[in-house]
Amino acid sequence: MSEQNVREHILLAEIVGISVAFAGLVLSLRAATVAGAFFGGMICFLLVNGTASSQYTIVRSGLTPLALLFVLTFLATRAGRRVKAQAGLSEKRHGRSSAQVIANLSIAGLTVSGLGFVVMMRGEVCCGGGYYKVWVWPAMMLMCLAAMVEATADTVSSEIGQAFGGRPVMLLTLQHVDPGTDGAVTLLGSLAGIAGGAFVAAVGMWALRLRPSQAAIALFAGICGLFFDSFLGATVERRGWIGNDLVNFTSTLFAAALAAIIYRLFVL
């Protein structure tokens, strides 16, 4: 076995161990149910396996922005818990369900998986390494980061807004509504969400080996996804056509797709 193969096997073992540890941490902190922690570990594996390289330390991968996403959303969820509990808006004590974890993180993991590669290549395997390095690999990283930015911004804005933002307004009408209303936003919550997303984008730029312009695209797409989430909440979710988990999934997908489109049209 060559030295390169040995390094790759060691890296894979590290990724498996980190994913198991991540799932265990999520479960021990009661940040998710058993099923939610399991899927969190699976998504962690997809993220790290799809972005890590034997040429860099393991922290130069999707692990670092994922860890930051977890810390920021964990703290935001627990901030002002008494206020949110009195309003009936606090998260359940056993944490997020598997559906919630999948809705928020699955797009980030899938974009850098084998499925993401196939979608981005569109069967153009004949195009060689140049096509991959110039378009496919950066686009996959951008989509992954944009989805994590959106997931962070959405959770932070919602949790901080409900706890400290005061009475929210509807995004489309700017009329005041009760806290927890689908599609409602607060200024403080939105600013907190944008700040959290920017933090993830900055760390992700370093971890995923992206240029500042590429990270800026991911941040812009992620923030657009945040307001797209509110738009869906104010329209189709409020009418009962779809649930919150599908709104979150669609919003991360929107952010990832927008990042890829911007990169393809205005950067390449």
Protein backbone atom coordinates (compact mmCIF):
# COMPACT_ATOMS: atom_id res chain seq x y z
CA MET A 1 0.00 0.00 0.00
CA SER A 2 1.40 3.40 -1.00
CA GLU A 3 1.96 6.25 1.43
CA GLN A 4 -0.90 8.18 -0.19
CA ASN A 5 -3.29 5.27 0.37
CA VAL A 6 -2.20 5.02 3.99
CA ARG A 7 -2.90 8.73 4.54
CA GLU A 8 -6.33 8.38 2.92
CA HIS A 9 -7.23 5.41 5.14
CA ILE A 10 -6.13 7.32 8.23
CA LEU A 11 -8.18 10.32 7.13
CA LEU A 12 -11.26 8.15 6.62
CA ALA A 13 -10.84 6.68 10.11
CA GLU A 14 -10.58 10.20 11.55
CA ILE A 15 -13.74 11.26 9.72
CA VAL A 16 -15.69 8.28 11.04
CA GLY A 17 -14.47 8.92 14.59
CA ILE A 18 -15.30 12.63 14.41
CA SER A 19 -18.78 11.91 13.05
CA VAL A 20 -19.51 9.46 15.85
CA ALA A 21 -18.18 11.94 18.41
CA PHE A 22 -20.31 14.72 16.92
CA ALA A 23 -23.45 12.59 17.17
CA GLY A 24 -22.57 11.70 20.76
CA LEU A 25 -22.02 15.34 21.67
CA VAL A 26 -25.33 16.40 20.15
CA LEU A 27 -27.12 13.66 22.07
CA SER A 28 -25.36 14.35 25.37
CA LEU A 29 -26.29 18.03 25.18
CA ARG A 30 -29.89 17.11 24.35
CA ALA A 31 -29.62 19.23 21.25
CA ALA A 32 -31.42 16.51 19.28
CA THR A 33 -33.27 13.26 19.75
CA VAL A 34 -31.51 9.93 19.29
CA ALA A 35 -32.64 9.81 15.67
CA GLY A 36 -31.71 13.46 15.18
CA ALA A 37 -28.22 12.86 16.58
CA PHE A 38 -27.81 9.83 14.31
CA PHE A 39 -28.65 11.80 11.19
CA GLY A 40 -26.50 14.66 12.45
CA GLY A 41 -23.57 12.25 12.59
CA MET A 42 -24.34 10.97 9.10
CA ILE A 43 -24.47 14.49 7.69
CA CYS A 44 -21.25 15.34 9.52
CA PHE A 45 -19.62 12.38 7.77
CA LEU A 46 -20.85 13.56 4.35
CA LEU A 47 -19.66 17.10 4.99
CA VAL A 48 -16.20 16.21 6.24
CA ASN A 49 -15.63 13.34 3.83
CA GLY A 50 -16.65 15.52 0.89
CA THR A 51 -14.46 18.48 1.83
CA ALA A 52 -11.42 17.10 3.68
CA SER A 53 -8.07 16.49 2.02
CA SER A 54 -5.05 14.48 3.12
CA GLN A 55 -2.96 17.54 2.23
CA TYR A 56 -4.55 19.59 5.03
CA THR A 57 -5.44 19.07 8.67
CA ILE A 58 -8.96 17.79 9.32
CA VAL A 59 -10.12 21.20 10.53
CA ARG A 60 -9.62 22.55 6.99
CA SER A 61 -12.89 20.92 5.97
CA GLY A 62 -16.63 21.27 6.45
CA LEU A 63 -16.12 20.18 10.06
CA THR A 64 -15.18 23.67 11.26
CA PRO A 65 -18.15 25.64 9.83
CA LEU A 66 -20.44 22.79 10.90
CA ALA A 67 -19.10 22.99 14.46
CA LEU A 68 -19.56 26.76 14.45
CA LEU A 69 -23.09 26.38 13.09
CA PHE A 70 -23.87 23.96 15.91
CA VAL A 71 -22.44 26.25 18.61
CA LEU A 72 -24.24 29.36 17.34
CA THR A 73 -27.62 27.65 16.92
CA PHE A 74 -27.27 25.82 20.24
CA LEU A 75 -26.60 29.07 22.11
CA ALA A 76 -29.32 30.96 20.23
CA THR A 77 -31.86 28.24 20.99
CA ARG A 78 -31.13 28.47 24.71
CA ALA A 79 -30.96 32.26 24.83
CA GLY A 80 -34.01 33.74 26.53
CA ARG A 81 -35.49 30.30 27.07
CA ARG A 82 -37.75 31.53 29.88
CA VAL A 83 -39.24 34.23 27.65
CA LYS A 84 -39.81 31.78 24.83
CA ALA A 85 -41.28 29.19 27.20
CA GLN A 86 -43.80 31.69 28.53
CA ALA A 87 -44.85 32.43 24.97
CA GLY A 88 -45.00 28.71 24.14
CA LEU A 89 -42.19 29.05 21.59
CA SER A 90 -39.27 27.26 23.25
CA GLU A 91 -37.74 24.14 21.74
CA LYS A 92 -38.73 20.80 23.27
CA ARG A 93 -36.41 19.53 26.02
CA HIS A 94 -35.30 16.50 24.00
CA GLY A 95 -33.97 18.72 21.21
CA ARG A 96 -34.47 18.76 17.46
CA SER A 97 -36.04 15.82 15.68
CA SER A 98 -34.48 13.89 12.82
CA ALA A 99 -36.77 15.74 10.39
CA GLN A 100 -35.52 19.09 11.66
CA VAL A 101 -31.87 18.04 11.41
CA ILE A 102 -32.36 16.72 7.88
CA ALA A 103 -34.29 19.83 6.84
CA ASN A 104 -31.54 22.17 8.00
CA LEU A 105 -28.35 20.27 7.17
CA SER A 106 -28.98 17.65 4.49
CA ILE A 107 -28.46 20.00 1.52
CA ALA A 108 -25.05 21.05 2.86
CA GLY A 109 -24.03 17.42 3.10
CA LEU A 110 -25.50 16.33 -0.22
CA THR A 111 -23.84 19.11 -2.22
CA VAL A 112 -20.38 17.73 -1.43
CA SER A 113 -21.36 14.06 -1.68
CA GLY A 114 -21.21 11.75 -4.68
CA LEU A 115 -24.74 12.85 -5.55
CA GLY A 116 -23.67 16.48 -5.62
CA PHE A 117 -20.74 15.60 -7.85
CA VAL A 118 -22.96 13.77 -10.34
CA VAL A 119 -25.46 16.64 -10.44
CA MET A 120 -22.76 19.25 -10.99
CA MET A 121 -20.92 17.23 -13.64
CA ARG A 122 -24.18 16.37 -15.43
CA GLY A 123 -22.44 13.33 -16.88
CA GLU A 124 -19.64 15.42 -18.42
CA VAL A 125 -16.88 13.09 -17.18
CA CYS A 126 -15.02 13.63 -20.45
CA CYS A 127 -14.24 17.21 -19.61
CA GLY A 128 -11.17 16.37 -17.55
CA GLY A 129 -9.65 17.79 -14.41
CA GLY A 130 -9.70 21.39 -15.63
CA TYR A 131 -13.49 21.49 -15.76
CA TYR A 132 -13.64 19.92 -12.31
CA LYS A 133 -11.15 22.32 -10.68
CA VAL A 134 -12.51 25.48 -12.31
CA TRP A 135 -16.25 24.87 -11.99
CA VAL A 136 -17.37 21.72 -10.17
CA TRP A 137 -15.24 21.76 -7.03
CA PRO A 138 -15.64 25.50 -6.22
CA ALA A 139 -19.36 25.32 -6.97
CA MET A 140 -19.82 22.35 -4.62
CA MET A 141 -17.95 24.19 -1.85
CA LEU A 142 -19.97 27.36 -2.45
CA MET A 143 -23.26 25.49 -2.35
CA CYS A 144 -22.28 23.69 0.84
CA LEU A 145 -21.23 26.89 2.57
CA ALA A 146 -24.29 28.83 1.38
CA ALA A 147 -26.58 26.13 2.80
CA MET A 148 -24.79 26.28 6.17
CA VAL A 149 -24.95 30.08 6.18
CA GLU A 150 -28.71 29.95 5.56
CA ALA A 151 -29.29 27.28 8.22
CA THR A 152 -27.32 29.31 10.77
CA ALA A 153 -28.95 32.63 9.89
CA ASP A 154 -32.45 31.16 9.93
CA THR A 155 -32.14 29.52 13.35
CA VAL A 156 -30.28 32.39 14.99
CA SER A 157 -32.65 35.04 13.63
CA SER A 158 -35.72 33.08 14.71
CA GLU A 159 -34.48 32.23 18.21
CA ILE A 160 -33.00 35.64 19.02
CA GLY A 161 -35.96 37.45 17.50
CA GLN A 162 -38.46 35.46 19.57
CA ALA A 163 -36.49 36.04 22.77
CA PHE A 164 -35.38 39.65 22.46
CA GLY A 165 -36.76 41.14 19.23
CA GLY A 166 -40.08 42.38 20.53
CA ARG A 167 -43.22 42.23 18.43
CA PRO A 168 -42.39 41.06 14.90
CA VAL A 169 -43.78 42.23 11.58
CA MET A 170 -44.83 40.28 8.53
CA LEU A 171 -42.18 40.40 5.82
CA LEU A 172 -44.64 41.14 3.02
CA THR A 173 -46.98 43.63 4.71
CA LEU A 174 -44.80 45.05 7.55
CA GLN A 175 -47.83 44.75 9.84
CA HIS A 176 -47.24 43.76 13.46
CA VAL A 177 -48.18 40.19 14.36
CA ASP A 178 -47.77 37.91 17.37
CA PRO A 179 -44.37 36.30 18.04
CA GLY A 180 -44.05 32.89 16.40
CA THR A 181 -46.26 33.77 13.43
CA ASP A 182 -45.06 32.08 10.24
CA GLY A 183 -43.17 34.54 8.07
CA ALA A 184 -42.76 37.15 10.82
CA VAL A 185 -39.39 38.88 11.30
CA THR A 186 -37.77 41.26 13.76
CA LEU A 187 -34.96 43.72 13.12
CA LEU A 188 -32.82 42.39 15.96
CA GLY A 189 -33.40 38.80 14.93
CA SER A 190 -32.55 39.50 11.29
CA LEU A 191 -29.36 41.35 12.22
CA ALA A 192 -28.34 38.55 14.58
CA GLY A 193 -29.01 35.97 11.86
CA ILE A 194 -26.98 37.89 9.29
CA ALA A 195 -24.11 38.27 11.78
CA GLY A 196 -24.17 34.54 12.54
CA GLY A 197 -24.24 33.70 8.84
CA ALA A 198 -21.33 36.06 8.18
CA PHE A 199 -19.31 34.38 10.93
CA VAL A 200 -19.93 30.95 9.37
CA ALA A 201 -19.05 32.30 5.90
CA ALA A 202 -15.77 33.79 7.14
CA VAL A 203 -14.73 30.61 8.94
CA GLY A 204 -15.93 28.50 6.01
CA MET A 205 -13.78 30.52 3.61
CA TRP A 206 -10.68 29.42 5.52
CA ALA A 207 -11.84 25.87 6.21
CA LEU A 208 -13.00 25.13 2.66
CA ARG A 209 -10.05 26.91 1.04
CA LEU A 210 -12.19 29.47 -0.78
CA ARG A 211 -11.34 32.93 -2.04
CA PRO A 212 -12.96 35.97 -0.36
CA SER A 213 -15.09 36.58 -3.47
CA GLN A 214 -16.36 33.01 -3.32
CA ALA A 215 -17.19 33.27 0.38
CA ALA A 216 -19.02 36.54 -0.36
CA ILE A 217 -21.18 34.71 -2.88
CA ALA A 218 -21.99 32.03 -0.31
CA LEU A 219 -22.87 34.68 2.27
CA PHE A 220 -25.09 36.61 -0.15
CA ALA A 221 -26.90 33.45 -1.25
CA GLY A 222 -27.33 32.31 2.34
CA ILE A 223 -28.84 35.62 3.43
CA CYS A 224 -31.15 35.57 0.40
CA GLY A 225 -32.17 32.09 1.56
CA LEU A 226 -32.95 33.51 5.00
CA PHE A 227 -35.48 35.97 3.57
CA PHE A 228 -36.78 33.37 1.13
CA ASP A 229 -37.54 31.25 4.20
CA SER A 230 -39.59 34.12 5.66
CA PHE A 231 -41.36 34.58 2.32
CA LEU A 232 -42.35 30.91 2.25
CA GLY A 233 -43.46 31.15 5.88
CA ALA A 234 -45.66 34.15 5.13
CA THR A 235 -47.27 32.50 2.11
CA VAL A 236 -47.42 28.74 1.60
CA GLU A 237 -46.63 27.72 5.19
CA ARG A 238 -49.12 30.15 6.69
CA ARG A 239 -51.80 28.73 4.40
CA GLY A 240 -50.98 25.25 5.66
CA TRP A 241 -49.76 23.95 2.31
CA ILE A 242 -46.34 22.89 3.61
CA GLY A 243 -44.76 22.51 7.05
CA ASN A 244 -41.81 24.25 8.65
CA ASP A 245 -39.37 21.41 7.95
CA LEU A 246 -40.08 21.56 4.23
CA VAL A 247 -39.72 25.35 4.33
CA ASN A 248 -36.28 24.99 5.93
CA PHE A 249 -35.21 22.33 3.46
CA THR A 250 -36.38 24.39 0.50
CA SER A 251 -34.64 27.51 1.79
CA THR A 252 -31.26 25.79 2.14
CA LEU A 253 -31.73 24.33 -1.33
CA PHE A 254 -32.56 27.80 -2.66
CA ALA A 255 -29.41 29.26 -1.08
CA ALA A 256 -27.21 26.49 -2.49
CA ALA A 257 -28.68 26.77 -5.98
CA LEU A 258 -28.42 30.57 -5.98
CA ALA A 259 -24.73 30.38 -5.01
CA ALA A 260 -24.02 28.02 -7.91
CA ILE A 261 -25.95 30.18 -10.39
CA ILE A 262 -24.15 33.36 -9.35
CA TYR A 263 -20.79 31.64 -9.55
CA ARG A 264 -21.50 30.22 -12.99
CA LEU A 265 -22.96 33.40 -14.49
CA PHE A 266 -20.85 36.15 -12.97
CA VAL A 267 -17.55 34.61 -11.87
CA LEU A 268 -16.61 31.99 -14.48
